[in-house]
Every structure is written in structure tokens, then in C-alpha cells.
């Protein structure tokens, strides 16, 4: 068995040999654009009465999650680029991991719920206001946030008890579970928890979303009018685009065997998963959704007319 070592801190060594000023500027741009875009989406949904529907409140919740995603990972990375101090305490590492897992779990469940919402709206329109009543919608949302919170807390507490055998150097740009697994002592329990997470909060929500859209497409294709089909598809293309980007990056990151030769690939896919996708989500919703575009224009006009 490998010798267990007790460390007071970890070292985040990803990008350590790269051009720091350029990378700092790049990630600062990604962070600020994502933050601004998501704040605009939330402001438009809250201030525009026409957008006070389950679909748009779900989008504003997604924007909140996206801000949590980037805020839990990128500020520390940018601090490393500025100060060249890549040390992170054990407490800070697991706090970062908790908020990352909280955001990831919430987004998985929320995207699945949004797909179900579109399924009910398109496939069962007469029952939509019964199934998605205000009370049920609030219960759904609270259940999603609470489930993701409990899961993140459970997972982080379990991972924080693992023994480190190899090194305190995390080959990643934040305290990510696969990167910690590489430096941990052999631990079957950790692997079982990881597989549980991937299946329950990754694969199952993805399959539910996929099933919802298969049913949506089958119903839309039976609409005789071309205009009707185009209108039905336009209400869910933005969400389908976001769903595809998120899960493709996530699956490339997590659903493949661990290997030292794939660390660079993990880094790229993780950047897409945790930084680029949250930045692009508000842009996709504003470009592909006429109601959101109109609300943004109205909000901007209000600001500049004062």
C-alpha cells in the first residue's frame, strides 16, 4: 500500500507553464462576459411581467447557477495568474469543490426540468397550467436546489475524508474530483460515489431530457402546417442548444477512463463545461428567443431614458 501523507494545502498546477498575462486576460473576459450576460437575463425576467412564466423563471435560475459555476472556479485561477501563488488550503479546496458540485447538480436537474416543461407545453398544452401551476413550479424548483445542495454536501464530506498518497499537486485549474482521485490512495468507496454521481445526477437527467425532446419532435413533426412546426421548434431550440453544449462537454470530461495522457483533454473539456458554456448560455437565449430579445431592448431603453 502507498504511504499516506498529510498535507496542509494543495497546489493547483494547471496552466503553470503557460503565458500568465494572456491567460488572465482570456479568463477575465470569459468571467465578466458570462457574469454580465447572466445578470442581464435575470434582470429582464424579474422586471418584465410578460416573462413571469415557468419557462423564463427556469432560465433565470439557470443564469444564477451559471454565475455560481464560474464564480466557484475562475476567481482563484485568475488570482494564480496574477500572484503566481498556486497554493490553496484544504478548507478552501473543499469549499470550492462544494460550490462546484452544487452548481453542477443544480444545472443537471434544472436542464432536465426545463426539457420536461417544454414537453408539457408542446405535447400537453391543455393541461400545462394544471401540471405547471405556480405552487407545483415552486415545489419543483425548491426540490431541485435542495437535492443538489444535499448531494454536494454529502459528496464533499466524503471526499474530504480520503487519504492522499502520491502528491499534493492537483493537475487541474480547480479542486476537481477526478484530479483529486489521481493523487488519492486507492479508495473503492470514492469510486463508487463518483459512479453514483455520474449515473444519478448526470446520465439519468440527460436521458430524461432526451426522452422529452424525442416526444416533442415526434409531436411537432405531425403538425401539418410548416409555420406551426417552425413556431413550435423556435420555443425550444435555444434550450436544446444549451442542453447539447453542456452534456457534450460534461460527457467528454467524465464518461471516459482515467489516464495520465488525457489530463490536457480533461483541462480543455472542463474549461468548456465550467466557463465557456455558462458564458454562452445567456447569449444563446438572447439570440434565439424573441421574447428575451424584446425584454432586453425594453430594459435597455428604460435605463437610458432615465
Protein backbone atom coordinates (compact mmCIF):
# COMPACT_ATOMS: atom_id res chain seq x y z
CA UNK A 1 0.00 0.00 0.00
CA UNK A 2 1.13 3.53 -0.72
CA UNK A 3 2.20 5.67 2.22
CA UNK A 4 -0.40 8.14 3.40
CA UNK A 5 0.77 11.77 3.64
CA UNK A 6 -0.93 14.62 5.48
CA UNK A 7 -0.82 17.97 3.63
CA UNK A 8 -1.79 21.42 4.90
CA UNK A 9 -2.57 22.63 1.40
CA UNK A 10 -2.78 21.67 -2.26
CA UNK A 11 -1.06 23.16 -5.28
CA UNK A 12 -3.07 23.87 -8.43
CA UNK A 13 -0.55 23.37 -11.22
CA UNK A 14 -2.66 23.53 -14.41
CA UNK A 15 -1.51 26.28 -16.81
CA UNK A 16 1.54 26.80 -14.56
CA UNK A 17 3.95 26.86 -17.52
CA UNK A 18 1.77 28.96 -19.81
CA UNK A 19 1.69 32.67 -20.59
CA UNK A 20 0.05 34.06 -17.45
CA UNK A 21 -0.93 37.61 -18.60
CA UNK A 22 -2.63 36.31 -21.75
CA UNK A 23 -4.49 33.57 -19.86
CA UNK A 24 -5.50 36.03 -17.14
CA UNK A 25 -6.99 38.37 -19.77
CA UNK A 26 -8.77 35.46 -21.51
CA UNK A 27 -10.38 34.06 -18.35
CA UNK A 28 -11.22 37.56 -17.07
CA UNK A 29 -13.05 38.19 -20.37
CA UNK A 30 -14.93 34.87 -20.10
CA UNK A 31 -15.84 35.57 -16.48
CA UNK A 32 -17.04 39.16 -16.98
CA UNK A 33 -19.00 38.43 -20.17
CA UNK A 34 -20.71 35.47 -18.51
CA UNK A 35 -21.44 37.46 -15.36
CA UNK A 36 -22.85 40.43 -17.27
CA UNK A 37 -24.92 38.27 -19.63
CA UNK A 38 -26.48 36.25 -16.82
CA UNK A 39 -27.23 39.35 -14.75
CA UNK A 40 -28.99 40.87 -17.78
CA UNK A 41 -31.10 37.70 -18.22
CA UNK A 42 -32.12 37.67 -14.53
CA UNK A 43 -32.92 41.41 -14.57
CA UNK A 44 -35.05 41.09 -17.71
CA UNK A 45 -37.03 38.14 -16.34
CA UNK A 46 -37.65 39.80 -12.97
CA UNK A 47 -38.56 43.24 -14.36
CA UNK A 48 -40.71 42.13 -17.32
CA UNK A 49 -44.20 40.88 -16.41
CA UNK A 50 -44.55 39.06 -19.75
CA UNK A 51 -41.67 36.78 -18.74
CA UNK A 52 -43.21 35.74 -15.43
CA UNK A 53 -43.79 32.17 -16.61
CA UNK A 54 -42.22 28.84 -15.53
CA UNK A 55 -40.00 28.68 -18.61
CA UNK A 56 -38.43 32.11 -18.10
CA UNK A 57 -38.13 31.75 -14.33
CA UNK A 58 -36.28 28.49 -15.05
CA UNK A 59 -33.96 30.38 -17.41
CA UNK A 60 -33.25 32.97 -14.69
CA UNK A 61 -32.48 30.12 -12.26
CA UNK A 62 -30.13 28.66 -14.86
CA UNK A 63 -28.38 32.04 -15.09
CA UNK A 64 -27.95 32.03 -11.30
CA UNK A 65 -26.41 28.55 -11.47
CA UNK A 66 -24.09 29.61 -14.31
CA UNK A 67 -22.80 32.52 -12.21
CA UNK A 68 -22.16 30.08 -9.37
CA UNK A 69 -20.29 27.79 -11.79
CA UNK A 70 -17.83 30.46 -12.92
CA UNK A 71 -17.56 32.22 -9.54
CA UNK A 72 -16.58 28.99 -7.78
CA UNK A 73 -13.68 28.22 -10.14
CA UNK A 74 -12.37 31.19 -12.12
CA UNK A 75 -11.52 33.82 -9.42
CA UNK A 76 -8.93 31.53 -7.79
CA UNK A 77 -7.47 30.69 -11.21
CA UNK A 78 -7.15 34.38 -12.08
CA UNK A 79 -5.54 35.01 -8.69
CA UNK A 80 -2.94 32.34 -9.55
CA UNK A 81 -2.20 34.09 -12.84
CA UNK A 82 -1.73 37.44 -11.06
CA UNK A 83 0.19 36.39 -7.94
CA UNK A 84 1.83 33.15 -9.21
CA UNK A 85 0.78 31.64 -5.86
CA UNK A 86 -0.88 28.34 -6.80
CA UNK A 87 -1.34 27.16 -3.22
CA UNK A 88 -4.85 26.56 -1.90
CA UNK A 89 -5.68 25.45 1.63
CA UNK A 90 -7.50 22.19 2.23
CA UNK A 91 -10.55 24.08 3.57
CA UNK A 92 -10.62 26.40 0.53
CA UNK A 93 -10.21 23.42 -1.82
CA UNK A 94 -13.22 21.55 -0.45
CA UNK A 95 -15.30 24.73 -0.21
CA UNK A 96 -14.59 25.30 -3.90
CA UNK A 97 -15.49 21.68 -4.64
CA UNK A 98 -18.79 22.01 -2.73
CA UNK A 99 -19.97 25.06 -4.71
CA UNK A 100 -18.84 23.49 -7.99
CA UNK A 101 -20.78 20.28 -7.24
CA UNK A 102 -23.76 22.31 -6.01
CA UNK A 103 -23.82 24.24 -9.31
CA UNK A 104 -23.28 21.12 -11.45
CA UNK A 105 -26.02 19.13 -9.67
CA UNK A 106 -28.49 22.01 -9.86
CA UNK A 107 -27.81 22.56 -13.58
CA UNK A 108 -28.22 18.84 -14.37
CA UNK A 109 -31.61 18.69 -12.66
CA UNK A 110 -32.72 22.12 -13.89
CA UNK A 111 -31.99 21.34 -17.56
CA UNK A 112 -33.97 18.12 -17.23
CA UNK A 113 -36.86 20.01 -15.63
CA UNK A 114 -36.80 22.62 -18.40
CA UNK A 115 -36.97 19.86 -21.02
CA UNK A 116 -39.99 18.41 -19.21
CA UNK A 117 -41.58 21.87 -19.10
CA UNK A 118 -41.24 22.16 -22.91
CA UNK A 119 -42.65 18.64 -23.30
CA UNK A 120 -45.77 19.54 -21.30
CA UNK A 121 -46.17 22.89 -23.11
CA UNK A 122 -45.95 21.35 -26.59
CA UNK A 123 -47.33 17.83 -26.12
CA UNK A 124 -49.99 18.51 -23.45
CA UNK A 125 -50.88 22.20 -23.88
CA UNK A 126 -54.41 21.87 -22.45
CA UNK A 127 -53.01 20.54 -19.15
CA UNK A 128 -49.98 22.84 -18.96
CA UNK A 129 -51.39 25.28 -16.38
CA UNK A 130 -52.57 22.37 -14.23
CA UNK A 131 -49.27 20.46 -14.33
CA UNK A 132 -47.14 23.63 -14.11
CA UNK A 133 -49.21 25.62 -11.64
CA UNK A 134 -47.37 28.24 -9.60
CA UNK A 135 -47.43 26.07 -6.48
CA UNK A 136 -46.09 22.98 -8.26
CA UNK A 137 -43.46 25.02 -10.07
CA UNK A 138 -42.13 26.46 -6.80
CA UNK A 139 -42.07 22.97 -5.26
CA UNK A 140 -40.15 21.64 -8.30
CA UNK A 141 -37.57 24.43 -8.11
CA UNK A 142 -37.06 24.14 -4.35
CA UNK A 143 -36.69 20.37 -4.68
CA UNK A 144 -34.02 20.83 -7.36
CA UNK A 145 -31.97 23.29 -5.30
CA UNK A 146 -32.31 21.29 -2.06
CA UNK A 147 -31.45 17.98 -3.74
CA UNK A 148 -28.34 19.47 -5.34
CA UNK A 149 -27.32 21.09 -2.02
CA UNK A 150 -27.66 17.87 -0.02
CA UNK A 151 -25.84 15.90 -2.72
CA UNK A 152 -22.95 18.38 -2.88
CA UNK A 153 -22.63 18.40 0.91
CA UNK A 154 -22.69 14.59 1.11
CA UNK A 155 -20.16 14.19 -1.69
CA UNK A 156 -17.77 16.87 -0.39
CA UNK A 157 -17.80 15.47 3.15
CA UNK A 158 -16.97 12.01 1.83
CA UNK A 159 -14.20 13.22 -0.49
CA UNK A 160 -12.68 15.36 2.30
CA UNK A 161 -12.00 12.14 4.25
CA UNK A 162 -9.87 10.48 1.55
CA UNK A 163 -6.20 9.84 2.17
CA UNK A 164 -3.62 11.47 -0.10
CA UNK A 165 -0.79 9.13 -1.05
CA UNK A 166 1.02 10.49 -4.07
CA UNK A 167 1.31 14.27 -4.12
CA UNK A 168 -0.47 17.49 -3.17
CA UNK A 169 -0.28 18.78 -6.76
CA UNK A 170 -3.72 18.98 -8.41
CA UNK A 171 -3.33 18.70 -12.19
CA UNK A 172 -6.29 20.93 -12.88
CA UNK A 173 -7.35 24.57 -12.61
CA UNK A 174 -9.61 23.98 -9.58
CA UNK A 175 -10.29 21.30 -6.95
CA UNK A 176 -11.98 18.83 -9.28
CA UNK A 177 -12.92 15.33 -8.14
CA UNK A 178 -11.15 13.37 -10.90
CA UNK A 179 -7.96 15.36 -10.32
CA UNK A 180 -8.10 14.63 -6.58
CA UNK A 181 -8.80 10.98 -7.31
CA UNK A 182 -5.49 10.76 -9.20
CA UNK A 183 -3.46 11.75 -6.11
CA UNK A 184 -5.59 9.85 -3.56
CA UNK A 185 -4.84 6.46 -2.09
CA UNK A 186 -6.79 3.61 -3.73
CA UNK A 187 -10.34 4.01 -2.45
CA UNK A 188 -13.22 1.86 -3.69
CA UNK A 189 -15.73 3.98 -1.76
CA UNK A 190 -14.68 7.12 -3.63
CA UNK A 191 -15.02 5.36 -6.98
CA UNK A 192 -18.49 4.10 -6.07
CA UNK A 193 -19.58 7.61 -5.09
CA UNK A 194 -18.17 9.01 -8.35
CA UNK A 195 -20.06 6.44 -10.43
CA UNK A 196 -23.22 7.12 -8.41
CA UNK A 197 -22.88 10.85 -9.15
CA UNK A 198 -22.32 10.28 -12.87
CA UNK A 199 -25.34 7.96 -13.17
CA UNK A 200 -27.87 9.67 -10.86
CA UNK A 201 -27.05 13.35 -11.49
CA UNK A 202 -25.56 13.01 -14.97
CA UNK A 203 -26.86 10.13 -17.05
CA UNK A 204 -30.44 9.94 -15.71
CA UNK A 205 -31.25 13.67 -16.13
CA UNK A 206 -29.71 13.52 -19.62
CA UNK A 207 -31.87 10.51 -20.58
CA UNK A 208 -34.99 12.25 -19.21
CA UNK A 209 -34.17 15.36 -21.25
CA UNK A 210 -33.51 13.24 -24.33
CA UNK A 211 -36.80 11.39 -23.89
CA UNK A 212 -38.67 14.69 -23.54
CA UNK A 213 -37.23 16.02 -26.78
CA UNK A 214 -37.83 12.78 -28.67
CA UNK A 215 -41.51 13.10 -27.74
CA UNK A 216 -41.52 16.81 -28.61
CA UNK A 217 -40.01 16.20 -32.05
CA UNK A 218 -42.44 13.35 -32.77
CA UNK A 219 -45.41 15.62 -31.95
CA UNK A 220 -44.06 18.64 -33.84
CA UNK A 221 -43.39 16.61 -36.99
CA UNK A 222 -47.09 15.65 -37.06
CA UNK A 223 -48.17 19.31 -37.22
CA UNK A 224 -49.48 19.80 -40.77
CA UNK A 225 -48.60 23.49 -41.02
CA UNK A 226 -44.99 24.46 -41.79
CA UNK A 227 -45.49 27.71 -39.88
CA UNK A 228 -46.83 25.77 -36.90
CA UNK A 229 -43.85 23.41 -36.91
CA UNK A 230 -41.41 26.31 -37.12
CA UNK A 231 -43.12 28.13 -34.23
CA UNK A 232 -43.11 25.00 -32.06
CA UNK A 233 -39.42 24.36 -32.71
CA UNK A 234 -38.49 28.01 -32.09
CA UNK A 235 -39.74 27.79 -28.49
CA UNK A 236 -37.22 25.09 -27.57
CA UNK A 237 -34.23 25.40 -29.93
CA UNK A 238 -32.30 27.66 -27.53
CA UNK A 239 -32.76 25.22 -24.66
CA UNK A 240 -31.85 22.28 -26.87
CA UNK A 241 -28.64 24.08 -27.93
CA UNK A 242 -27.69 24.79 -24.28
CA UNK A 243 -28.53 21.21 -23.32
CA UNK A 244 -26.35 19.79 -26.11
CA UNK A 245 -23.34 22.00 -25.32
CA UNK A 246 -23.49 21.25 -21.60
CA UNK A 247 -23.83 17.48 -21.87
CA UNK A 248 -21.35 17.01 -24.71
CA UNK A 249 -18.65 18.82 -22.70
CA UNK A 250 -19.68 17.00 -19.50
CA UNK A 251 -19.62 13.54 -21.10
CA UNK A 252 -16.24 14.18 -22.72
CA UNK A 253 -14.99 15.20 -19.28
CA UNK A 254 -16.40 12.41 -17.10
CA UNK A 255 -17.52 9.43 -19.20
CA UNK A 256 -14.14 8.09 -20.20
CA UNK A 257 -11.49 6.04 -18.38
CA UNK A 258 -8.92 7.95 -16.29
CA UNK A 259 -5.48 8.29 -17.87
CA UNK A 260 -2.42 10.44 -17.29
CA UNK A 261 -2.22 11.02 -21.04
CA UNK A 262 -5.69 12.60 -21.11
CA UNK A 263 -5.08 15.34 -18.49
CA UNK A 264 -4.76 18.05 -21.17
CA UNK A 265 -8.05 16.91 -22.74
CA UNK A 266 -9.71 16.97 -19.32
CA UNK A 267 -8.50 20.53 -18.89
CA UNK A 268 -9.98 21.64 -22.21
CA UNK A 269 -13.34 19.93 -21.69
CA UNK A 270 -13.54 21.15 -18.11
CA UNK A 271 -12.95 24.73 -19.27
CA UNK A 272 -15.79 24.35 -21.78
CA UNK A 273 -18.01 22.75 -19.12
CA UNK A 274 -17.44 25.23 -16.28
CA UNK A 275 -16.54 28.51 -18.01
CA UNK A 276 -17.33 28.75 -21.72
CA UNK A 277 -20.82 27.17 -21.62
CA UNK A 278 -22.05 29.41 -18.75
CA UNK A 279 -20.74 32.41 -20.73
CA UNK A 280 -22.54 31.36 -23.94
CA UNK A 281 -25.88 30.39 -22.35
CA UNK A 282 -27.27 33.96 -21.97
CA UNK A 283 -26.05 34.83 -25.49
CA UNK A 284 -27.87 31.79 -26.92
CA UNK A 285 -31.10 32.61 -25.05
CA UNK A 286 -30.98 36.26 -26.14
CA UNK A 287 -30.26 35.48 -29.79
CA UNK A 288 -32.66 32.54 -30.22
CA UNK A 289 -35.62 33.79 -28.17
CA UNK A 290 -37.71 36.71 -29.43
CA UNK A 291 -39.32 37.38 -26.03
CA UNK A 292 -35.93 37.65 -24.30
CA UNK A 293 -34.59 39.91 -27.08
CA UNK A 294 -37.63 42.19 -26.71
CA UNK A 295 -37.25 42.25 -22.91
CA UNK A 296 -33.55 43.17 -23.19
CA UNK A 297 -34.38 46.04 -25.56
CA UNK A 298 -37.12 47.26 -23.20
CA UNK A 299 -34.78 47.10 -20.18
CA UNK A 300 -32.01 48.98 -22.01
CA UNK A 301 -34.47 51.66 -23.15
CA UNK A 302 -35.68 52.10 -19.56
CA UNK A 303 -32.13 52.53 -18.32
CA UNK A 304 -31.12 55.10 -20.94
CA UNK A 305 -34.42 57.02 -20.77
CA UNK A 306 -33.89 57.86 -17.11
